[in-house]
């Protein structure tokens, strides 16, 4: 353990990752909010598919010597557009993602194999780097986060309703197709943001796990997003703070914190359900989509 962690110069090192900490906090907010809809719309597989093409875009940008963040965003948006347009139904969506994932991964590996620069740059695209965010990159990441948050603010209520009860939402005239494509693009931008911080392989730990944990312990349409954001921020920022005093990349710390939070929430949910069954029925069950959507249903 002594060789794994060394906090002797922690104060000096902390100043080197200010940009990364800001980016991680932004990612936590974006990932926590987006993750609620990922859970409701059963799009966990889509997150992984988007991250693969985001990785390919970033690797291509690295090979070409252009802005890696821009390459990651372009790759993610292509994936999001294809998933949103071609995968309206869940079955179609999974087929599209199943085709995109190996293509994106193979393309990214090809670009990295042709890249002759620092090995750390290659490794960072897969597992993240705690000092990888410079000022220019941070500006890109802040811009992406603002776009995603603004987009979610505009479509939050109708998207919540469409995600929970698409038939009733369609009967009330809500544009389910447009909302689906819009969310897929916002999810793509969130995926590009995540790849820049924790790498392409472990994006699920911040875009899926925090929301899954939150929805195990609450059905509140307000509290679930708040808890999801809190869990994601703690995982992302906490992972960087731990990795700073270690020779291990950031990803294992982020994923471990995120998974530990999920286990605690699942245990709390299990205990509440046992008490509920013992007293008066299945009280304290995991969050239901219709409960989360109740605040978003149009009058």
C-alpha atoms as a PDB file:
ATOM      1  CA  UNK A   1       0.000   0.000   0.000  1.00  0.00           C
ATOM      2  CA  UNK A   2       2.921   2.314   0.782  1.00  0.00           C
ATOM      3  CA  UNK A   3       4.258   1.954  -2.746  1.00  0.00           C
ATOM      4  CA  UNK A   4       0.811   2.492  -4.248  1.00  0.00           C
ATOM      5  CA  UNK A   5       0.141   5.840  -2.543  1.00  0.00           C
ATOM      6  CA  UNK A   6       2.504   8.730  -1.855  1.00  0.00           C
ATOM      7  CA  UNK A   7       0.945  11.943  -0.549  1.00  0.00           C
ATOM      8  CA  UNK A   8       4.223  13.648   0.396  1.00  0.00           C
ATOM      9  CA  UNK A   9       3.946  16.265  -2.402  1.00  0.00           C
ATOM     10  CA  UNK A  10       0.172  16.257  -2.573  1.00  0.00           C
ATOM     11  CA  UNK A  11      -0.238  20.001  -2.066  1.00  0.00           C
ATOM     12  CA  UNK A  12       2.077  20.864  -4.931  1.00  0.00           C
ATOM     13  CA  UNK A  13       0.509  18.266  -7.208  1.00  0.00           C
ATOM     14  CA  UNK A  14      -2.999  19.510  -6.447  1.00  0.00           C
ATOM     15  CA  UNK A  15      -2.286  22.771  -8.251  1.00  0.00           C
ATOM     16  CA  UNK A  16      -1.510  20.844 -11.422  1.00  0.00           C
ATOM     17  CA  UNK A  17      -4.980  19.349 -11.748  1.00  0.00           C
ATOM     18  CA  UNK A  18      -7.203  22.377 -11.180  1.00  0.00           C
ATOM     19  CA  UNK A  19      -8.532  22.166 -14.731  1.00  0.00           C
ATOM     20  CA  UNK A  20      -9.139  18.431 -14.380  1.00  0.00           C
ATOM     21  CA  UNK A  21     -11.081  18.946 -11.133  1.00  0.00           C
ATOM     22  CA  UNK A  22     -13.295  21.569 -12.768  1.00  0.00           C
ATOM     23  CA  UNK A  23     -13.855  19.310 -15.762  1.00  0.00           C
ATOM     24  CA  UNK A  24     -14.623  16.350 -13.494  1.00  0.00           C
ATOM     25  CA  UNK A  25     -17.196  18.371 -11.545  1.00  0.00           C
ATOM     26  CA  UNK A  26     -18.833  19.434 -14.811  1.00  0.00           C
ATOM     27  CA  UNK A  27     -18.848  15.843 -15.979  1.00  0.00           C
ATOM     28  CA  UNK A  28     -20.480  14.785 -12.716  1.00  0.00           C
ATOM     29  CA  UNK A  29     -23.303  17.300 -13.150  1.00  0.00           C
ATOM     30  CA  UNK A  30     -23.842  16.446 -16.823  1.00  0.00           C
ATOM     31  CA  UNK A  31     -23.458  12.697 -16.360  1.00  0.00           C
ATOM     32  CA  UNK A  32     -25.733  12.596 -13.341  1.00  0.00           C
ATOM     33  CA  UNK A  33     -28.572  14.379 -15.147  1.00  0.00           C
ATOM     34  CA  UNK A  34     -28.190  12.545 -18.443  1.00  0.00           C
ATOM     35  CA  UNK A  35     -27.946   9.241 -16.585  1.00  0.00           C
ATOM     36  CA  UNK A  36     -31.494   9.571 -15.257  1.00  0.00           C
ATOM     37  CA  UNK A  37     -32.843   9.414 -18.808  1.00  0.00           C
ATOM     38  CA  UNK A  38     -30.357   6.716 -19.787  1.00  0.00           C
ATOM     39  CA  UNK A  39     -31.925   4.556 -17.077  1.00  0.00           C
ATOM     40  CA  UNK A  40     -35.500   5.433 -17.957  1.00  0.00           C
ATOM     41  CA  UNK A  41     -34.992   4.882 -21.693  1.00  0.00           C
ATOM     42  CA  UNK A  42     -32.880   1.731 -21.251  1.00  0.00           C
ATOM     43  CA  UNK A  43     -29.972   3.222 -23.193  1.00  0.00           C
ATOM     44  CA  UNK A  44     -27.038   1.868 -21.196  1.00  0.00           C
ATOM     45  CA  UNK A  45     -25.807   0.017 -24.263  1.00  0.00           C
ATOM     46  CA  UNK A  46     -25.991   3.248 -26.274  1.00  0.00           C
ATOM     47  CA  UNK A  47     -23.586   4.947 -23.853  1.00  0.00           C
ATOM     48  CA  UNK A  48     -20.954   2.342 -24.596  1.00  0.00           C
ATOM     49  CA  UNK A  49     -21.542   2.558 -28.344  1.00  0.00           C
ATOM     50  CA  UNK A  50     -21.162   6.336 -28.306  1.00  0.00           C
ATOM     51  CA  UNK A  51     -17.956   6.110 -26.274  1.00  0.00           C
ATOM     52  CA  UNK A  52     -16.407   3.804 -28.883  1.00  0.00           C
ATOM     53  CA  UNK A  53     -16.941   6.259 -31.740  1.00  0.00           C
ATOM     54  CA  UNK A  54     -15.889   9.119 -29.480  1.00  0.00           C
ATOM     55  CA  UNK A  55     -12.669   7.206 -28.864  1.00  0.00           C
ATOM     56  CA  UNK A  56     -12.218   6.736 -32.622  1.00  0.00           C
ATOM     57  CA  UNK A  57     -12.734  10.460 -33.211  1.00  0.00           C
ATOM     58  CA  UNK A  58     -10.280  11.391 -30.472  1.00  0.00           C
ATOM     59  CA  UNK A  59      -7.696   8.902 -31.743  1.00  0.00           C
ATOM     60  CA  UNK A  60      -8.089  10.234 -35.272  1.00  0.00           C
ATOM     61  CA  UNK A  61      -7.586  13.791 -34.029  1.00  0.00           C
ATOM     62  CA  UNK A  62      -4.514  12.691 -32.081  1.00  0.00           C
ATOM     63  CA  UNK A  63      -3.058  11.103 -35.211  1.00  0.00           C
ATOM     64  CA  UNK A  64      -3.830  14.175 -37.322  1.00  0.00           C
ATOM     65  CA  UNK A  65      -2.371  16.535 -34.732  1.00  0.00           C
ATOM     66  CA  UNK A  66      -5.587  18.508 -34.231  1.00  0.00           C
ATOM     67  CA  UNK A  67      -7.718  19.218 -31.144  1.00  0.00           C
ATOM     68  CA  UNK A  68      -8.464  15.886 -29.454  1.00  0.00           C
ATOM     69  CA  UNK A  69     -11.574  17.238 -27.709  1.00  0.00           C
ATOM     70  CA  UNK A  70     -13.014  18.322 -31.066  1.00  0.00           C
ATOM     71  CA  UNK A  71     -12.294  14.900 -32.565  1.00  0.00           C
ATOM     72  CA  UNK A  72     -14.005  13.221 -29.625  1.00  0.00           C
ATOM     73  CA  UNK A  73     -17.065  15.451 -30.002  1.00  0.00           C
ATOM     74  CA  UNK A  74     -17.327  14.815 -33.745  1.00  0.00           C
ATOM     75  CA  UNK A  75     -17.115  11.051 -33.240  1.00  0.00           C
ATOM     76  CA  UNK A  76     -19.741  11.144 -30.494  1.00  0.00           C
ATOM     77  CA  UNK A  77     -22.147  13.276 -32.505  1.00  0.00           C
ATOM     78  CA  UNK A  78     -21.922  10.905 -35.479  1.00  0.00           C
ATOM     79  CA  UNK A  79     -22.758   8.002 -33.165  1.00  0.00           C
ATOM     80  CA  UNK A  80     -25.559   9.914 -31.456  1.00  0.00           C
ATOM     81  CA  UNK A  81     -27.124  10.949 -34.765  1.00  0.00           C
ATOM     82  CA  UNK A  82     -27.041   7.397 -36.115  1.00  0.00           C
ATOM     83  CA  UNK A  83     -28.493   5.956 -32.914  1.00  0.00           C
ATOM     84  CA  UNK A  84     -31.165   8.650 -32.713  1.00  0.00           C
ATOM     85  CA  UNK A  85     -32.264   8.441 -36.355  1.00  0.00           C
ATOM     86  CA  UNK A  86     -31.876   4.718 -37.081  1.00  0.00           C
ATOM     87  CA  UNK A  87     -32.660   3.330 -33.651  1.00  0.00           C
ATOM     88  CA  UNK A  88     -36.072   4.702 -32.749  1.00  0.00           C
ATOM     89  CA  UNK A  89     -37.206   1.345 -31.393  1.00  0.00           C
ATOM     90  CA  UNK A  90     -35.146  -0.398 -28.720  1.00  0.00           C
ATOM     91  CA  UNK A  91     -34.530  -3.472 -30.895  1.00  0.00           C
ATOM     92  CA  UNK A  92     -33.329  -1.361 -33.825  1.00  0.00           C
ATOM     93  CA  UNK A  93     -31.225   0.793 -31.510  1.00  0.00           C
ATOM     94  CA  UNK A  94     -29.386  -2.182 -30.061  1.00  0.00           C
ATOM     95  CA  UNK A  95     -28.690  -3.525 -33.545  1.00  0.00           C
ATOM     96  CA  UNK A  96     -27.292  -0.182 -34.682  1.00  0.00           C
ATOM     97  CA  UNK A  97     -25.113   0.067 -31.572  1.00  0.00           C
ATOM     98  CA  UNK A  98     -23.910  -3.506 -32.020  1.00  0.00           C
ATOM     99  CA  UNK A  99     -22.697  -2.539 -35.500  1.00  0.00           C
ATOM    100  CA  UNK A 100     -21.146   0.766 -34.415  1.00  0.00           C
ATOM    101  CA  UNK A 101     -19.204  -0.511 -31.400  1.00  0.00           C
ATOM    102  CA  UNK A 102     -16.720  -2.850 -33.116  1.00  0.00           C
ATOM    103  CA  UNK A 103     -16.317  -0.428 -36.020  1.00  0.00           C
ATOM    104  CA  UNK A 104     -15.510   2.488 -33.701  1.00  0.00           C
ATOM    105  CA  UNK A 105     -13.185   0.434 -31.528  1.00  0.00           C
ATOM    106  CA  UNK A 106     -11.355  -1.013 -34.538  1.00  0.00           C
ATOM    107  CA  UNK A 107     -10.990   2.406 -36.131  1.00  0.00           C
ATOM    108  CA  UNK A 108      -9.656   3.878 -32.904  1.00  0.00           C
ATOM    109  CA  UNK A 109      -7.131   1.073 -32.477  1.00  0.00           C
ATOM    110  CA  UNK A 110      -5.989   1.608 -36.080  1.00  0.00           C
ATOM    111  CA  UNK A 111      -5.428   5.318 -35.486  1.00  0.00           C
ATOM    112  CA  UNK A 112      -3.512   4.671 -32.272  1.00  0.00           C
ATOM    113  CA  UNK A 113      -1.326   2.054 -33.941  1.00  0.00           C
ATOM    114  CA  UNK A 114      -0.360   4.631 -36.573  1.00  0.00           C
ATOM    115  CA  UNK A 115       0.341   7.319 -33.961  1.00  0.00           C
ATOM    116  CA  UNK A 116       4.040   7.606 -33.158  1.00  0.00           C
ATOM    117  CA  UNK A 117       3.841  10.111 -30.311  1.00  0.00           C
ATOM    118  CA  UNK A 118       3.885   9.628 -26.534  1.00  0.00           C
ATOM    119  CA  UNK A 119       2.425   6.348 -25.304  1.00  0.00           C
ATOM    120  CA  UNK A 120       0.721   8.213 -22.449  1.00  0.00           C
ATOM    121  CA  UNK A 121      -1.479  10.011 -24.969  1.00  0.00           C
ATOM    122  CA  UNK A 122      -2.682   6.675 -26.345  1.00  0.00           C
ATOM    123  CA  UNK A 123      -3.303   5.188 -22.920  1.00  0.00           C
ATOM    124  CA  UNK A 124      -5.093   8.316 -21.727  1.00  0.00           C
ATOM    125  CA  UNK A 125      -7.796   8.013 -24.374  1.00  0.00           C
ATOM    126  CA  UNK A 126      -8.735   4.613 -22.956  1.00  0.00           C
ATOM    127  CA  UNK A 127      -8.291   5.103 -19.203  1.00  0.00           C
ATOM    128  CA  UNK A 128      -8.067   8.859 -18.654  1.00  0.00           C
ATOM    129  CA  UNK A 129      -5.283  11.123 -17.424  1.00  0.00           C
ATOM    130  CA  UNK A 130      -5.490  13.353 -14.348  1.00  0.00           C
ATOM    131  CA  UNK A 131      -3.306  16.076 -15.885  1.00  0.00           C
ATOM    132  CA  UNK A 132      -4.642  15.787 -19.438  1.00  0.00           C
ATOM    133  CA  UNK A 133      -6.949  18.835 -19.342  1.00  0.00           C
ATOM    134  CA  UNK A 134      -5.188  22.024 -20.391  1.00  0.00           C
ATOM    135  CA  UNK A 135      -6.774  25.485 -20.576  1.00  0.00           C
ATOM    136  CA  UNK A 136      -7.803  25.169 -24.220  1.00  0.00           C
ATOM    137  CA  UNK A 137      -9.315  21.746 -23.637  1.00  0.00           C
ATOM    138  CA  UNK A 138     -11.145  22.990 -20.550  1.00  0.00           C
ATOM    139  CA  UNK A 139     -12.772  25.700 -22.658  1.00  0.00           C
ATOM    140  CA  UNK A 140     -14.065  23.051 -25.040  1.00  0.00           C
ATOM    141  CA  UNK A 141     -15.349  20.931 -22.162  1.00  0.00           C
ATOM    142  CA  UNK A 142     -17.099  23.870 -20.493  1.00  0.00           C
ATOM    143  CA  UNK A 143     -18.747  24.748 -23.791  1.00  0.00           C
ATOM    144  CA  UNK A 144     -19.949  21.177 -24.280  1.00  0.00           C
ATOM    145  CA  UNK A 145     -21.295  21.006 -20.722  1.00  0.00           C
ATOM    146  CA  UNK A 146     -23.200  24.280 -21.160  1.00  0.00           C
ATOM    147  CA  UNK A 147     -24.786  23.027 -24.395  1.00  0.00           C
ATOM    148  CA  UNK A 148     -25.869  19.743 -22.781  1.00  0.00           C
ATOM    149  CA  UNK A 149     -27.270  21.416 -19.662  1.00  0.00           C
ATOM    150  CA  UNK A 150     -29.130  24.029 -21.712  1.00  0.00           C
ATOM    151  CA  UNK A 151     -30.553  21.322 -23.963  1.00  0.00           C
ATOM    152  CA  UNK A 152     -31.708  19.253 -20.995  1.00  0.00           C
ATOM    153  CA  UNK A 153     -33.344  22.307 -19.424  1.00  0.00           C
ATOM    154  CA  UNK A 154     -35.384  22.859 -22.584  1.00  0.00           C
ATOM    155  CA  UNK A 155     -36.577  19.275 -23.099  1.00  0.00           C
ATOM    156  CA  UNK A 156     -36.578  17.966 -19.498  1.00  0.00           C
ATOM    157  CA  UNK A 157     -40.318  17.802 -18.827  1.00  0.00           C
ATOM    158  CA  UNK A 158     -41.514  16.466 -22.212  1.00  0.00           C
ATOM    159  CA  UNK A 159     -38.605  14.027 -22.367  1.00  0.00           C
ATOM    160  CA  UNK A 160     -39.444  12.760 -18.883  1.00  0.00           C
ATOM    161  CA  UNK A 161     -43.029  12.134 -19.956  1.00  0.00           C
ATOM    162  CA  UNK A 162     -42.090  10.499 -23.285  1.00  0.00           C
ATOM    163  CA  UNK A 163     -39.505   8.291 -21.586  1.00  0.00           C
ATOM    164  CA  UNK A 164     -41.971   6.991 -18.996  1.00  0.00           C
ATOM    165  CA  UNK A 165     -45.140   6.596 -21.067  1.00  0.00           C
ATOM    166  CA  UNK A 166     -44.509   6.946 -24.826  1.00  0.00           C
ATOM    167  CA  UNK A 167     -48.030   5.871 -25.865  1.00  0.00           C
ATOM    168  CA  UNK A 168     -49.822   8.481 -23.757  1.00  0.00           C
ATOM    169  CA  UNK A 169     -47.228  11.096 -24.678  1.00  0.00           C
ATOM    170  CA  UNK A 170     -47.807  10.413 -28.386  1.00  0.00           C
ATOM    171  CA  UNK A 171     -51.560  10.631 -27.865  1.00  0.00           C
ATOM    172  CA  UNK A 172     -51.059  14.082 -26.357  1.00  0.00           C
ATOM    173  CA  UNK A 173     -49.087  15.195 -29.385  1.00  0.00           C
ATOM    174  CA  UNK A 174     -45.572  15.229 -27.971  1.00  0.00           C
ATOM    175  CA  UNK A 175     -42.901  14.790 -30.702  1.00  0.00           C
ATOM    176  CA  UNK A 176     -41.343  11.569 -29.438  1.00  0.00           C
ATOM    177  CA  UNK A 177     -39.075  11.141 -32.476  1.00  0.00           C
ATOM    178  CA  UNK A 178     -37.631  14.639 -32.248  1.00  0.00           C
ATOM    179  CA  UNK A 179     -37.105  14.294 -28.508  1.00  0.00           C
ATOM    180  CA  UNK A 180     -35.372  10.938 -28.974  1.00  0.00           C
ATOM    181  CA  UNK A 181     -32.941  12.293 -31.558  1.00  0.00           C
ATOM    182  CA  UNK A 182     -32.292  15.413 -29.468  1.00  0.00           C
ATOM    183  CA  UNK A 183     -31.540  13.354 -26.388  1.00  0.00           C
ATOM    184  CA  UNK A 184     -29.286  11.021 -28.363  1.00  0.00           C
ATOM    185  CA  UNK A 185     -27.232  14.039 -29.469  1.00  0.00           C
ATOM    186  CA  UNK A 186     -27.057  15.404 -25.914  1.00  0.00           C
ATOM    187  CA  UNK A 187     -26.008  11.962 -24.701  1.00  0.00           C
ATOM    188  CA  UNK A 188     -23.318  11.931 -27.390  1.00  0.00           C
ATOM    189  CA  UNK A 189     -21.931  15.242 -26.149  1.00  0.00           C
ATOM    190  CA  UNK A 190     -21.955  13.960 -22.575  1.00  0.00           C
ATOM    191  CA  UNK A 191     -20.092  10.851 -23.735  1.00  0.00           C
ATOM    192  CA  UNK A 192     -17.432  12.998 -25.430  1.00  0.00           C
ATOM    193  CA  UNK A 193     -17.023  14.938 -22.201  1.00  0.00           C
ATOM    194  CA  UNK A 194     -16.589  11.710 -20.237  1.00  0.00           C
ATOM    195  CA  UNK A 195     -14.004  10.261 -22.630  1.00  0.00           C
ATOM    196  CA  UNK A 196     -11.779  13.291 -22.073  1.00  0.00           C
ATOM    197  CA  UNK A 197     -11.714  12.721 -18.305  1.00  0.00           C
ATOM    198  CA  UNK A 198     -11.939   9.001 -17.567  1.00  0.00           C
ATOM    199  CA  UNK A 199     -11.262   7.439 -20.961  1.00  0.00           C
ATOM    200  CA  UNK A 200     -13.453   5.545 -23.398  1.00  0.00           C
ATOM    201  CA  UNK A 201     -13.498   2.181 -21.645  1.00  0.00           C
ATOM    202  CA  UNK A 202     -15.164   3.263 -18.402  1.00  0.00           C
ATOM    203  CA  UNK A 203     -17.662   5.944 -19.424  1.00  0.00           C
ATOM    204  CA  UNK A 204     -20.502   3.843 -17.988  1.00  0.00           C
ATOM    205  CA  UNK A 205     -19.219   4.476 -14.456  1.00  0.00           C
ATOM    206  CA  UNK A 206     -20.344   8.125 -14.652  1.00  0.00           C
ATOM    207  CA  UNK A 207     -23.176   8.089 -17.181  1.00  0.00           C
ATOM    208  CA  UNK A 208     -24.972   4.997 -15.876  1.00  0.00           C
ATOM    209  CA  UNK A 209     -23.930   3.875 -12.383  1.00  0.00           C
ATOM    210  CA  UNK A 210     -24.734   7.082 -10.388  1.00  0.00           C
ATOM    211  CA  UNK A 211     -28.262   7.295 -11.801  1.00  0.00           C
ATOM    212  CA  UNK A 212     -28.788   3.565 -11.276  1.00  0.00           C
ATOM    213  CA  UNK A 213     -27.748   4.008  -7.643  1.00  0.00           C
ATOM    214  CA  UNK A 214     -30.001   7.015  -7.108  1.00  0.00           C
ATOM    215  CA  UNK A 215     -33.025   5.274  -8.583  1.00  0.00           C
ATOM    216  CA  UNK A 216     -32.534   2.365  -6.180  1.00  0.00           C
ATOM    217  CA  UNK A 217     -33.248   4.585  -3.171  1.00  0.00           C
ATOM    218  CA  UNK A 218     -35.777   7.169  -4.322  1.00  0.00           C
ATOM    219  CA  UNK A 219     -38.740   7.564  -6.660  1.00  0.00           C
ATOM    220  CA  UNK A 220     -38.810  11.355  -6.322  1.00  0.00           C
ATOM    221  CA  UNK A 221     -38.545  13.183  -9.673  1.00  0.00           C
ATOM    222  CA  UNK A 222     -36.527  15.864  -7.885  1.00  0.00           C
ATOM    223  CA  UNK A 223     -34.388  13.846  -5.495  1.00  0.00           C
ATOM    224  CA  UNK A 224     -33.348  11.193  -8.028  1.00  0.00           C
ATOM    225  CA  UNK A 225     -31.505  13.661 -10.324  1.00  0.00           C
ATOM    226  CA  UNK A 226     -30.001  15.449  -7.302  1.00  0.00           C
ATOM    227  CA  UNK A 227     -28.630  12.203  -5.872  1.00  0.00           C
ATOM    228  CA  UNK A 228     -27.435  11.072  -9.285  1.00  0.00           C
ATOM    229  CA  UNK A 229     -25.467  14.304  -9.762  1.00  0.00           C
ATOM    230  CA  UNK A 230     -24.065  14.082  -6.243  1.00  0.00           C
ATOM    231  CA  UNK A 231     -22.902  10.494  -6.731  1.00  0.00           C
ATOM    232  CA  UNK A 232     -21.329  11.307 -10.106  1.00  0.00           C
ATOM    233  CA  UNK A 233     -19.481  14.384  -8.811  1.00  0.00           C
ATOM    234  CA  UNK A 234     -18.171  12.489  -5.783  1.00  0.00           C
ATOM    235  CA  UNK A 235     -16.978   9.647  -8.035  1.00  0.00           C
ATOM    236  CA  UNK A 236     -15.280  11.865 -10.622  1.00  0.00           C
ATOM    237  CA  UNK A 237     -13.675  14.407  -8.295  1.00  0.00           C
ATOM    238  CA  UNK A 238     -12.886  11.811  -5.643  1.00  0.00           C
ATOM    239  CA  UNK A 239     -11.235   9.597  -8.245  1.00  0.00           C
ATOM    240  CA  UNK A 240      -8.933  12.416  -9.330  1.00  0.00           C
ATOM    241  CA  UNK A 241      -8.028  13.337  -5.747  1.00  0.00           C
ATOM    242  CA  UNK A 242      -7.095   9.727  -4.957  1.00  0.00           C
ATOM    243  CA  UNK A 243      -5.265   9.148  -8.230  1.00  0.00           C
ATOM    244  CA  UNK A 244      -3.195  12.269  -7.630  1.00  0.00           C
ATOM    245  CA  UNK A 245      -1.381  10.541  -4.781  1.00  0.00           C
ATOM    246  CA  UNK A 246      -0.976   7.273  -6.646  1.00  0.00           C
ATOM    247  CA  UNK A 247       0.840   5.840  -9.643  1.00  0.00           C
ATOM    248  CA  UNK A 248      -2.412   4.187 -10.791  1.00  0.00           C
ATOM    249  CA  UNK A 249      -4.521   5.857 -13.547  1.00  0.00           C
ATOM    250  CA  UNK A 250      -7.680   7.690 -12.571  1.00  0.00           C
ATOM    251  CA  UNK A 251     -10.165   5.154 -13.947  1.00  0.00           C
ATOM    252  CA  UNK A 252      -9.882   2.447 -11.239  1.00  0.00           C
ATOM    253  CA  UNK A 253     -10.549   5.024  -8.521  1.00  0.00           C
ATOM    254  CA  UNK A 254     -13.538   6.575 -10.284  1.00  0.00           C
ATOM    255  CA  UNK A 255     -15.112   3.210 -11.028  1.00  0.00           C
ATOM    256  CA  UNK A 256     -14.465   1.877  -7.521  1.00  0.00           C
ATOM    257  CA  UNK A 257     -16.065   4.886  -5.827  1.00  0.00           C
ATOM    258  CA  UNK A 258     -19.024   4.757  -8.218  1.00  0.00           C
ATOM    259  CA  UNK A 259     -19.505   1.019  -7.704  1.00  0.00           C
ATOM    260  CA  UNK A 260     -19.219   1.335  -3.917  1.00  0.00           C
ATOM    261  CA  UNK A 261     -21.954   3.985  -3.912  1.00  0.00           C
ATOM    262  CA  UNK A 262     -24.157   1.717  -6.018  1.00  0.00           C
ATOM    263  CA  UNK A 263     -23.649  -1.201  -3.634  1.00  0.00           C
ATOM    264  CA  UNK A 264     -24.577   0.954  -0.638  1.00  0.00           C
ATOM    265  CA  UNK A 265     -27.726   2.210  -2.376  1.00  0.00           C
ATOM    266  CA  UNK A 266     -28.693  -1.295  -3.397  1.00  0.00           C
ATOM    267  CA  UNK A 267     -28.224  -2.489   0.185  1.00  0.00           C
ATOM    268  CA  UNK A 268     -30.379   0.363   1.482  1.00  0.00           C
ATOM    269  CA  UNK A 269     -33.062  -0.483  -1.068  1.00  0.00           C
ATOM    270  CA  UNK A 270     -32.962  -4.160  -0.107  1.00  0.00           C
ATOM    271  CA  UNK A 271     -33.297  -3.369   3.607  1.00  0.00           C
ATOM    272  CA  UNK A 272     -36.208  -1.003   2.983  1.00  0.00           C
ATOM    273  CA  UNK A 273     -37.978  -3.605   0.868  1.00  0.00           C
ATOM    274  CA  UNK A 274     -37.533  -6.260   3.559  1.00  0.00           C
ATOM    275  CA  UNK A 275     -38.970  -3.960   6.210  1.00  0.00           C
ATOM    276  CA  UNK A 276     -41.816  -3.002   3.893  1.00  0.00           C
ATOM    277  CA  UNK A 277     -42.728  -6.613   3.127  1.00  0.00           C
ATOM    278  CA  UNK A 278     -42.603  -7.492   6.804  1.00  0.00           C
ATOM    279  CA  UNK A 279     -44.955  -4.699   7.826  1.00  0.00           C
ATOM    280  CA  UNK A 280     -47.409  -3.746   5.112  1.00  0.00           C
ATOM    281  CA  UNK A 281     -46.258  -4.800   1.654  1.00  0.00           C
ATOM    282  CA  UNK A 282     -43.488  -3.877  -0.760  1.00  0.00           C
ATOM    283  CA  UNK A 283     -42.693  -0.379   0.534  1.00  0.00           C
ATOM    284  CA  UNK A 284     -39.389   1.207  -0.455  1.00  0.00           C
ATOM    285  CA  UNK A 285     -39.183  -0.471  -3.871  1.00  0.00           C
ATOM    286  CA  UNK A 286     -36.828   0.977  -6.474  1.00  0.00           C
ATOM    287  CA  UNK A 287     -37.890   4.072  -8.351  1.00  0.00           C
ATOM    288  CA  UNK A 288     -40.505   3.532 -11.029  1.00  0.00           C
ATOM    289  CA  UNK A 289     -40.466   5.406 -14.315  1.00  0.00           C
ATOM    290  CA  UNK A 290     -44.035   6.580 -13.888  1.00  0.00           C
ATOM    291  CA  UNK A 291     -43.169   8.095 -10.516  1.00  0.00           C
ATOM    292  CA  UNK A 292     -40.231  10.001 -11.973  1.00  0.00           C
ATOM    293  CA  UNK A 293     -42.373  11.180 -14.872  1.00  0.00           C
ATOM    294  CA  UNK A 294     -45.235  12.483 -12.756  1.00  0.00           C
ATOM    295  CA  UNK A 295     -43.657  15.919 -12.422  1.00  0.00           C
ATOM    296  CA  UNK A 296     -42.991  16.111 -16.158  1.00  0.00           C
ATOM    297  CA  UNK A 297     -46.391  15.153 -17.519  1.00  0.00           C
ATOM    298  CA  UNK A 298     -48.103  18.013 -19.369  1.00  0.00           C
ATOM    299  CA  UNK A 299     -51.280  19.217 -17.802  1.00  0.00           C
END
